[in-house]
Amino acid sequence: MALTTQAMAPHRRAFGIGIFFSSYFLITTPAPGIAGWLFDTTGIAYWPIVFAATLFLFTGVANAVFRYVQARLPKPLGASLAEQDA
């Protein structure tokens, strides 16, 4: 959530956080069911743990991509984000 506020101008943060939480819940809502299905299908706890680790790894990759894109964007010269985005 902190990355969302860094990426959005102050007057657009409510929209950005809304998009963030919508996508967050779309990903996390089916995850326990998928992990349970993996356990029921295979009968061992290995695959649900691999699934959870994959989701955790995806979080790190998404953070790294965000930081990379953030570093490559031009920095405003003396203008605030709100003025730059308007």
PDB file of N, CA and C in Angstrom:
ATOM      1  N   MET A   1       0.813  -1.172   0.000  1.00  0.00           N
ATOM      2  CA  MET A   1       0.000   0.000   0.000  1.00  0.00           C
ATOM      3  C   MET A   1       0.871   1.255   0.000  1.00  0.00           C
ATOM      4  N   ALA A   2       2.020   1.207   0.629  1.00  0.00           N
ATOM      5  CA  ALA A   2       2.905   2.366   0.652  1.00  0.00           C
ATOM      6  C   ALA A   2       3.432   2.675  -0.744  1.00  0.00           C
ATOM      7  N   LEU A   3       3.660   1.645  -1.557  1.00  0.00           N
ATOM      8  CA  LEU A   3       4.123   1.891  -2.922  1.00  0.00           C
ATOM      9  C   LEU A   3       3.061   2.596  -3.744  1.00  0.00           C
ATOM     10  N   THR A   4       1.801   2.310  -3.468  1.00  0.00           N
ATOM     11  CA  THR A   4       0.717   2.969  -4.185  1.00  0.00           C
ATOM     12  C   THR A   4       0.736   4.463  -3.920  1.00  0.00           C
ATOM     13  N   THR A   5       0.963   4.858  -2.675  1.00  0.00           N
ATOM     14  CA  THR A   5       0.987   6.287  -2.365  1.00  0.00           C
ATOM     15  C   THR A   5       2.214   6.969  -2.947  1.00  0.00           C
ATOM     16  N   GLN A   6       3.302   6.244  -3.139  1.00  0.00           N
ATOM     17  CA  GLN A   6       4.485   6.827  -3.767  1.00  0.00           C
ATOM     18  C   GLN A   6       4.292   7.028  -5.259  1.00  0.00           C
ATOM     19  N   ALA A   7       3.482   6.192  -5.866  1.00  0.00           N
ATOM     20  CA  ALA A   7       3.327   6.235  -7.315  1.00  0.00           C
ATOM     21  C   ALA A   7       2.236   7.189  -7.777  1.00  0.00           C
ATOM     22  N   MET A   8       1.347   7.577  -6.890  1.00  0.00           N
ATOM     23  CA  MET A   8       0.194   8.383  -7.290  1.00  0.00           C
ATOM     24  C   MET A   8       0.316   9.802  -6.745  1.00  0.00           C
ATOM     25  N   ALA A   9      -0.156  10.752  -7.533  1.00  0.00           N
ATOM     26  CA  ALA A   9      -0.249  12.132  -7.061  1.00  0.00           C
ATOM     27  C   ALA A   9      -1.287  12.198  -5.945  1.00  0.00           C
ATOM     28  N   PRO A  10      -1.151  13.145  -5.035  1.00  0.00           N
ATOM     29  CA  PRO A  10      -2.079  13.191  -3.893  1.00  0.00           C
ATOM     30  C   PRO A  10      -3.553  13.210  -4.279  1.00  0.00           C
ATOM     31  N   HIS A  11      -3.901  13.904  -5.342  1.00  0.00           N
ATOM     32  CA  HIS A  11      -5.322  13.982  -5.704  1.00  0.00           C
ATOM     33  C   HIS A  11      -5.823  12.718  -6.399  1.00  0.00           C
ATOM     34  N   ARG A  12      -4.945  11.777  -6.701  1.00  0.00           N
ATOM     35  CA  ARG A  12      -5.350  10.513  -7.331  1.00  0.00           C
ATOM     36  C   ARG A  12      -5.096   9.292  -6.459  1.00  0.00           C
ATOM     37  N   ARG A  13      -4.666   9.492  -5.244  1.00  0.00           N
ATOM     38  CA  ARG A  13      -4.314   8.360  -4.384  1.00  0.00           C
ATOM     39  C   ARG A  13      -5.506   7.495  -4.024  1.00  0.00           C
ATOM     40  N   ALA A  14      -6.661   8.088  -3.833  1.00  0.00           N
ATOM     41  CA  ALA A  14      -7.838   7.288  -3.485  1.00  0.00           C
ATOM     42  C   ALA A  14      -8.144   6.287  -4.596  1.00  0.00           C
ATOM     43  N   PHE A  15      -8.057   6.729  -5.838  1.00  0.00           N
ATOM     44  CA  PHE A  15      -8.277   5.834  -6.973  1.00  0.00           C
ATOM     45  C   PHE A  15      -7.204   4.743  -7.014  1.00  0.00           C
ATOM     46  N   GLY A  16      -5.945   5.120  -6.825  1.00  0.00           N
ATOM     47  CA  GLY A  16      -4.848   4.152  -6.854  1.00  0.00           C
ATOM     48  C   GLY A  16      -4.959   3.107  -5.765  1.00  0.00           C
ATOM     49  N   ILE A  17      -5.331   3.524  -4.565  1.00  0.00           N
ATOM     50  CA  ILE A  17      -5.483   2.568  -3.475  1.00  0.00           C
ATOM     51  C   ILE A  17      -6.689   1.674  -3.720  1.00  0.00           C
ATOM     52  N   GLY A  18      -7.734   2.218  -4.345  1.00  0.00           N
ATOM     53  CA  GLY A  18      -8.886   1.386  -4.709  1.00  0.00           C
ATOM     54  C   GLY A  18      -8.506   0.299  -5.695  1.00  0.00           C
ATOM     55  N   ILE A  19      -7.711   0.648  -6.700  1.00  0.00           N
ATOM     56  CA  ILE A  19      -7.228  -0.343  -7.673  1.00  0.00           C
ATOM     57  C   ILE A  19      -6.332  -1.365  -6.978  1.00  0.00           C
ATOM     58  N   PHE A  20      -5.457  -0.881  -6.089  1.00  0.00           N
ATOM     59  CA  PHE A  20      -4.561  -1.781  -5.367  1.00  0.00           C
ATOM     60  C   PHE A  20      -5.343  -2.819  -4.569  1.00  0.00           C
ATOM     61  N   PHE A  21      -6.302  -2.354  -3.765  1.00  0.00           N
ATOM     62  CA  PHE A  21      -7.053  -3.290  -2.930  1.00  0.00           C
ATOM     63  C   PHE A  21      -7.933  -4.213  -3.756  1.00  0.00           C
ATOM     64  N   SER A  22      -8.474  -3.722  -4.862  1.00  0.00           N
ATOM     65  CA  SER A  22      -9.281  -4.595  -5.728  1.00  0.00           C
ATOM     66  C   SER A  22      -8.434  -5.727  -6.283  1.00  0.00           C
ATOM     67  N   SER A  23      -7.257  -5.399  -6.805  1.00  0.00           N
ATOM     68  CA  SER A  23      -6.395  -6.446  -7.353  1.00  0.00           C
ATOM     69  C   SER A  23      -5.851  -7.344  -6.241  1.00  0.00           C
ATOM     70  N   TYR A  24      -5.554  -6.774  -5.088  1.00  0.00           N
ATOM     71  CA  TYR A  24      -5.069  -7.566  -3.954  1.00  0.00           C
ATOM     72  C   TYR A  24      -6.091  -8.629  -3.559  1.00  0.00           C
ATOM     73  N   PHE A  25      -7.348  -8.224  -3.429  1.00  0.00           N
ATOM     74  CA  PHE A  25      -8.366  -9.181  -3.007  1.00  0.00           C
ATOM     75  C   PHE A  25      -8.727 -10.156  -4.120  1.00  0.00           C
ATOM     76  N   LEU A  26      -8.602  -9.757  -5.377  1.00  0.00           N
ATOM     77  CA  LEU A  26      -8.839 -10.698  -6.474  1.00  0.00           C
ATOM     78  C   LEU A  26      -7.784 -11.803  -6.497  1.00  0.00           C
ATOM     79  N   ILE A  27      -6.584 -11.488  -6.036  1.00  0.00           N
ATOM     80  CA  ILE A  27      -5.515 -12.491  -5.994  1.00  0.00           C
ATOM     81  C   ILE A  27      -5.604 -13.331  -4.719  1.00  0.00           C
ATOM     82  N   THR A  28      -5.844 -12.682  -3.578  1.00  0.00           N
ATOM     83  CA  THR A  28      -5.800 -13.415  -2.309  1.00  0.00           C
ATOM     84  C   THR A  28      -7.071 -14.193  -1.990  1.00  0.00           C
ATOM     85  N   THR A  29      -8.189 -13.831  -2.563  1.00  0.00           N
ATOM     86  CA  THR A  29      -9.428 -14.554  -2.257  1.00  0.00           C
ATOM     87  C   THR A  29      -9.390 -16.012  -2.720  1.00  0.00           C
ATOM     88  N   PRO A  30      -8.987 -16.315  -3.953  1.00  0.00           N
ATOM     89  CA  PRO A  30      -8.985 -17.727  -4.360  1.00  0.00           C
ATOM     90  C   PRO A  30      -7.759 -18.513  -3.888  1.00  0.00           C
ATOM     91  N   ALA A  31      -6.744 -17.852  -3.346  1.00  0.00           N
ATOM     92  CA  ALA A  31      -5.501 -18.544  -2.992  1.00  0.00           C
ATOM     93  C   ALA A  31      -5.700 -19.681  -1.987  1.00  0.00           C
ATOM     94  N   PRO A  32      -6.438 -19.515  -0.891  1.00  0.00           N
ATOM     95  CA  PRO A  32      -6.623 -20.654   0.023  1.00  0.00           C
ATOM     96  C   PRO A  32      -7.361 -21.821  -0.625  1.00  0.00           C
ATOM     97  N   GLY A  33      -8.328 -21.523  -1.477  1.00  0.00           N
ATOM     98  CA  GLY A  33      -9.039 -22.599  -2.173  1.00  0.00           C
ATOM     99  C   GLY A  33      -8.135 -23.356  -3.127  1.00  0.00           C
ATOM    100  N   ILE A  34      -7.272 -22.622  -3.814  1.00  0.00           N
ATOM    101  CA  ILE A  34      -6.324 -23.272  -4.727  1.00  0.00           C
ATOM    102  C   ILE A  34      -5.351 -24.143  -3.936  1.00  0.00           C
ATOM    103  N   ALA A  35      -4.859 -23.616  -2.814  1.00  0.00           N
ATOM    104  CA  ALA A  35      -3.946 -24.408  -1.981  1.00  0.00           C
ATOM    105  C   ALA A  35      -4.645 -25.653  -1.440  1.00  0.00           C
ATOM    106  N   GLY A  36      -5.892 -25.520  -1.024  1.00  0.00           N
ATOM    107  CA  GLY A  36      -6.648 -26.685  -0.553  1.00  0.00           C
ATOM    108  C   GLY A  36      -6.881 -27.695  -1.655  1.00  0.00           C
ATOM    109  N   TRP A  37      -7.182 -27.210  -2.849  1.00  0.00           N
ATOM    110  CA  TRP A  37      -7.371 -28.116  -3.989  1.00  0.00           C
ATOM    111  C   TRP A  37      -6.075 -28.859  -4.303  1.00  0.00           C
ATOM    112  N   LEU A  38      -4.944 -28.141  -4.247  1.00  0.00           N
ATOM    113  CA  LEU A  38      -3.657 -28.802  -4.481  1.00  0.00           C
ATOM    114  C   LEU A  38      -3.406 -29.898  -3.446  1.00  0.00           C
ATOM    115  N   PHE A  39      -3.742 -29.618  -2.189  1.00  0.00           N
ATOM    116  CA  PHE A  39      -3.555 -30.634  -1.150  1.00  0.00           C
ATOM    117  C   PHE A  39      -4.501 -31.813  -1.353  1.00  0.00           C
ATOM    118  N   ASP A  40      -5.761 -31.526  -1.664  1.00  0.00           N
ATOM    119  CA  ASP A  40      -6.731 -32.608  -1.872  1.00  0.00           C
ATOM    120  C   ASP A  40      -6.374 -33.461  -3.083  1.00  0.00           C
ATOM    121  N   THR A  41      -5.842 -32.839  -4.119  1.00  0.00           N
ATOM    122  CA  THR A  41      -5.497 -33.564  -5.339  1.00  0.00           C
ATOM    123  C   THR A  41      -4.266 -34.440  -5.151  1.00  0.00           C
ATOM    124  N   THR A  42      -3.242 -33.884  -4.494  1.00  0.00           N
ATOM    125  CA  THR A  42      -1.983 -34.621  -4.371  1.00  0.00           C
ATOM    126  C   THR A  42      -1.883 -35.422  -3.079  1.00  0.00           C
ATOM    127  N   GLY A  43      -2.555 -34.973  -2.024  1.00  0.00           N
ATOM    128  CA  GLY A  43      -2.482 -35.670  -0.747  1.00  0.00           C
ATOM    129  C   GLY A  43      -1.249 -35.346   0.072  1.00  0.00           C
ATOM    130  N   ILE A  44      -0.414 -34.443  -0.411  1.00  0.00           N
ATOM    131  CA  ILE A  44       0.771 -34.031   0.346  1.00  0.00           C
ATOM    132  C   ILE A  44       0.771 -32.507   0.460  1.00  0.00           C
ATOM    133  N   ALA A  45       1.438 -32.013   1.482  1.00  0.00           N
ATOM    134  CA  ALA A  45       1.445 -30.572   1.732  1.00  0.00           C
ATOM    135  C   ALA A  45       2.509 -29.833   0.923  1.00  0.00           C
ATOM    136  N   TYR A  46       3.296 -30.541   0.149  1.00  0.00           N
ATOM    137  CA  TYR A  46       4.388 -29.919  -0.601  1.00  0.00           C
ATOM    138  C   TYR A  46       3.875 -28.892  -1.611  1.00  0.00           C
ATOM    139  N   TRP A  47       2.878 -29.246  -2.409  1.00  0.00           N
ATOM    140  CA  TRP A  47       2.425 -28.355  -3.482  1.00  0.00           C
ATOM    141  C   TRP A  47       1.720 -27.104  -2.981  1.00  0.00           C
ATOM    142  N   PRO A  48       0.906 -27.169  -1.931  1.00  0.00           N
ATOM    143  CA  PRO A  48       0.376 -25.907  -1.398  1.00  0.00           C
ATOM    144  C   PRO A  48       1.468 -24.976  -0.870  1.00  0.00           C
ATOM    145  N   ILE A  49       2.516 -25.555  -0.291  1.00  0.00           N
ATOM    146  CA  ILE A  49       3.621 -24.731   0.191  1.00  0.00           C
ATOM    147  C   ILE A  49       4.371 -24.115  -0.981  1.00  0.00           C
ATOM    148  N   VAL A  50       4.573 -24.873  -2.041  1.00  0.00           N
ATOM    149  CA  VAL A  50       5.214 -24.331  -3.246  1.00  0.00           C
ATOM    150  C   VAL A  50       4.355 -23.219  -3.844  1.00  0.00           C
ATOM    151  N   PHE A  51       3.050 -23.414  -3.853  1.00  0.00           N
ATOM    152  CA  PHE A  51       2.134 -22.389  -4.354  1.00  0.00           C
ATOM    153  C   PHE A  51       2.258 -21.109  -3.532  1.00  0.00           C
ATOM    154  N   ALA A  52       2.262 -21.235  -2.203  1.00  0.00           N
ATOM    155  CA  ALA A  52       2.399 -20.068  -1.330  1.00  0.00           C
ATOM    156  C   ALA A  52       3.753 -19.389  -1.530  1.00  0.00           C
ATOM    157  N   ALA A  53       4.806 -20.179  -1.673  1.00  0.00           N
ATOM    158  CA  ALA A  53       6.134 -19.609  -1.903  1.00  0.00           C
ATOM    159  C   ALA A  53       6.192 -18.886  -3.241  1.00  0.00           C
ATOM    160  N   THR A  54       5.499 -19.409  -4.244  1.00  0.00           N
ATOM    161  CA  THR A  54       5.448 -18.753  -5.550  1.00  0.00           C
ATOM    162  C   THR A  54       4.748 -17.407  -5.450  1.00  0.00           C
ATOM    163  N   LEU A  55       3.646 -17.352  -4.717  1.00  0.00           N
ATOM    164  CA  LEU A  55       2.963 -16.073  -4.519  1.00  0.00           C
ATOM    165  C   LEU A  55       3.860 -15.086  -3.780  1.00  0.00           C
ATOM    166  N   PHE A  56       4.583 -15.570  -2.782  1.00  0.00           N
ATOM    167  CA  PHE A  56       5.501 -14.711  -2.036  1.00  0.00           C
ATOM    168  C   PHE A  56       6.630 -14.216  -2.936  1.00  0.00           C
ATOM    169  N   LEU A  57       7.159 -15.089  -3.779  1.00  0.00           N
ATOM    170  CA  LEU A  57       8.204 -14.705  -4.723  1.00  0.00           C
ATOM    171  C   LEU A  57       7.681 -13.667  -5.712  1.00  0.00           C
ATOM    172  N   PHE A  58       6.448 -13.844  -6.168  1.00  0.00           N
ATOM    173  CA  PHE A  58       5.835 -12.883  -7.079  1.00  0.00           C
ATOM    174  C   PHE A  58       5.752 -11.495  -6.437  1.00  0.00           C
ATOM    175  N   THR A  59       5.504 -11.441  -5.135  1.00  0.00           N
ATOM    176  CA  THR A  59       5.464 -10.163  -4.430  1.00  0.00           C
ATOM    177  C   THR A  59       6.815  -9.463  -4.503  1.00  0.00           C
ATOM    178  N   GLY A  60       7.883 -10.203  -4.285  1.00  0.00           N
ATOM    179  CA  GLY A  60       9.223  -9.629  -4.377  1.00  0.00           C
ATOM    180  C   GLY A  60       9.565  -9.169  -5.779  1.00  0.00           C
ATOM    181  N   VAL A  61       9.182  -9.955  -6.772  1.00  0.00           N
ATOM    182  CA  VAL A  61       9.434  -9.581  -8.170  1.00  0.00           C
ATOM    183  C   VAL A  61       8.648  -8.322  -8.527  1.00  0.00           C
ATOM    184  N   ALA A  62       7.387  -8.261  -8.108  1.00  0.00           N
ATOM    185  CA  ALA A  62       6.571  -7.081  -8.391  1.00  0.00           C
ATOM    186  C   ALA A  62       7.158  -5.839  -7.727  1.00  0.00           C
ATOM    187  N   ASN A  63       7.676  -5.980  -6.520  1.00  0.00           N
ATOM    188  CA  ASN A  63       8.315  -4.853  -5.841  1.00  0.00           C
ATOM    189  C   ASN A  63       9.563  -4.406  -6.592  1.00  0.00           C
ATOM    190  N   ALA A  64      10.377  -5.351  -7.036  1.00  0.00           N
ATOM    191  CA  ALA A  64      11.589  -5.009  -7.779  1.00  0.00           C
ATOM    192  C   ALA A  64      11.254  -4.319  -9.097  1.00  0.00           C
ATOM    193  N   VAL A  65      10.241  -4.795  -9.796  1.00  0.00           N
ATOM    194  CA  VAL A  65       9.825  -4.164 -11.053  1.00  0.00           C
ATOM    195  C   VAL A  65       9.320  -2.751 -10.787  1.00  0.00           C
ATOM    196  N   PHE A  66       8.532  -2.579  -9.735  1.00  0.00           N
ATOM    197  CA  PHE A  66       8.038  -1.245  -9.389  1.00  0.00           C
ATOM    198  C   PHE A  66       9.194  -0.295  -9.124  1.00  0.00           C
ATOM    199  N   ARG A  67      10.165  -0.737  -8.325  1.00  0.00           N
ATOM    200  CA  ARG A  67      11.315   0.123  -8.008  1.00  0.00           C
ATOM    201  C   ARG A  67      12.134   0.438  -9.259  1.00  0.00           C
ATOM    202  N   TYR A  68      12.274  -0.519 -10.162  1.00  0.00           N
ATOM    203  CA  TYR A  68      13.006  -0.295 -11.408  1.00  0.00           C
ATOM    204  C   TYR A  68      12.305   0.760 -12.255  1.00  0.00           C
ATOM    205  N   VAL A  69      11.002   0.606 -12.424  1.00  0.00           N
ATOM    206  CA  VAL A  69      10.242   1.577 -13.219  1.00  0.00           C
ATOM    207  C   VAL A  69      10.256   2.938 -12.540  1.00  0.00           C
ATOM    208  N   GLN A  70      10.134   2.955 -11.229  1.00  0.00           N
ATOM    209  CA  GLN A  70      10.140   4.211 -10.492  1.00  0.00           C
ATOM    210  C   GLN A  70      11.471   4.943 -10.672  1.00  0.00           C
ATOM    211  N   ALA A  71      12.575   4.228 -10.683  1.00  0.00           N
ATOM    212  CA  ALA A  71      13.886   4.848 -10.850  1.00  0.00           C
ATOM    213  C   ALA A  71      14.096   5.373 -12.265  1.00  0.00           C
ATOM    214  N   ARG A  72      13.440   4.778 -13.255  1.00  0.00           N
ATOM    215  CA  ARG A  72      13.631   5.187 -14.645  1.00  0.00           C
ATOM    216  C   ARG A  72      12.731   6.339 -15.057  1.00  0.00           C
ATOM    217  N   LEU A  73      11.706   6.628 -14.273  1.00  0.00           N
ATOM    218  CA  LEU A  73      10.824   7.736 -14.614  1.00  0.00           C
ATOM    219  C   LEU A  73      11.539   9.059 -14.378  1.00  0.00           C
ATOM    220  N   PRO A  74      11.259  10.061 -15.206  1.00  0.00           N
ATOM    221  CA  PRO A  74      11.909  11.358 -14.993  1.00  0.00           C
ATOM    222  C   PRO A  74      11.430  11.999 -13.693  1.00  0.00           C
ATOM    223  N   LYS A  75      12.364  12.624 -13.001  1.00  0.00           N
ATOM    224  CA  LYS A  75      12.037  13.302 -11.755  1.00  0.00           C
ATOM    225  C   LYS A  75      11.584  14.725 -12.077  1.00  0.00           C
ATOM    226  N   PRO A  76      10.501  15.183 -11.458  1.00  0.00           N
ATOM    227  CA  PRO A  76      10.069  16.562 -11.695  1.00  0.00           C
ATOM    228  C   PRO A  76      11.080  17.544 -11.114  1.00  0.00           C
ATOM    229  N   LEU A  77      11.328  18.620 -11.822  1.00  0.00           N
ATOM    230  CA  LEU A  77      12.272  19.634 -11.371  1.00  0.00           C
ATOM    231  C   LEU A  77      11.517  20.743 -10.650  1.00  0.00           C
ATOM    232  N   GLY A  78      11.479  20.670  -9.340  1.00  0.00           N
ATOM    233  CA  GLY A  78      10.848  21.705  -8.542  1.00  0.00           C
ATOM    234  C   GLY A  78       9.331  21.640  -8.494  1.00  0.00           C
ATOM    235  N   ALA A  79       8.716  20.779  -9.253  1.00  0.00           N
ATOM    236  CA  ALA A  79       7.255  20.673  -9.247  1.00  0.00           C
ATOM    237  C   ALA A  79       6.839  19.496  -8.380  1.00  0.00           C
ATOM    238  N   SER A  80       5.755  19.678  -7.670  1.00  0.00           N
ATOM    239  CA  SER A  80       5.243  18.570  -6.872  1.00  0.00           C
ATOM    240  C   SER A  80       4.565  17.568  -7.793  1.00  0.00           C
ATOM    241  N   LEU A  81       4.312  16.378  -7.285  1.00  0.00           N
ATOM    242  CA  LEU A  81       3.636  15.367  -8.096  1.00  0.00           C
ATOM    243  C   LEU A  81       2.258  15.836  -8.526  1.00  0.00           C
ATOM    244  N   ALA A  82       1.564  16.575  -7.671  1.00  0.00           N
ATOM    245  CA  ALA A  82       0.226  17.047  -8.012  1.00  0.00           C
ATOM    246  C   ALA A  82       0.282  18.018  -9.191  1.00  0.00           C
ATOM    247  N   GLU A  83       1.279  18.904  -9.207  1.00  0.00           N
ATOM    248  CA  GLU A  83       1.412  19.850 -10.315  1.00  0.00           C
ATOM    249  C   GLU A  83       1.847  19.140 -11.587  1.00  0.00           C
ATOM    250  N   GLN A  84       2.725  18.147 -11.453  1.00  0.00           N
ATOM    251  CA  GLN A  84       3.231  17.416 -12.611  1.00  0.00           C
ATOM    252  C   GLN A  84       2.144  16.574 -13.262  1.00  0.00           C
ATOM    253  N   ASP A  85       1.209  16.043 -12.458  1.00  0.00           N
ATOM    254  CA  ASP A  85       0.188  15.133 -12.960  1.00  0.00           C
ATOM    255  C   ASP A  85      -1.028  15.869 -13.513  1.00  0.00           C
ATOM    256  N   ALA A  86      -1.209  17.118 -13.169  1.00  0.00           N
ATOM    257  CA  ALA A  86      -2.408  17.873 -13.582  1.00  0.00           C
ATOM    258  C   ALA A  86      -2.390  18.245 -15.044  1.00  0.00           C
TER     259      ALA A  86
END
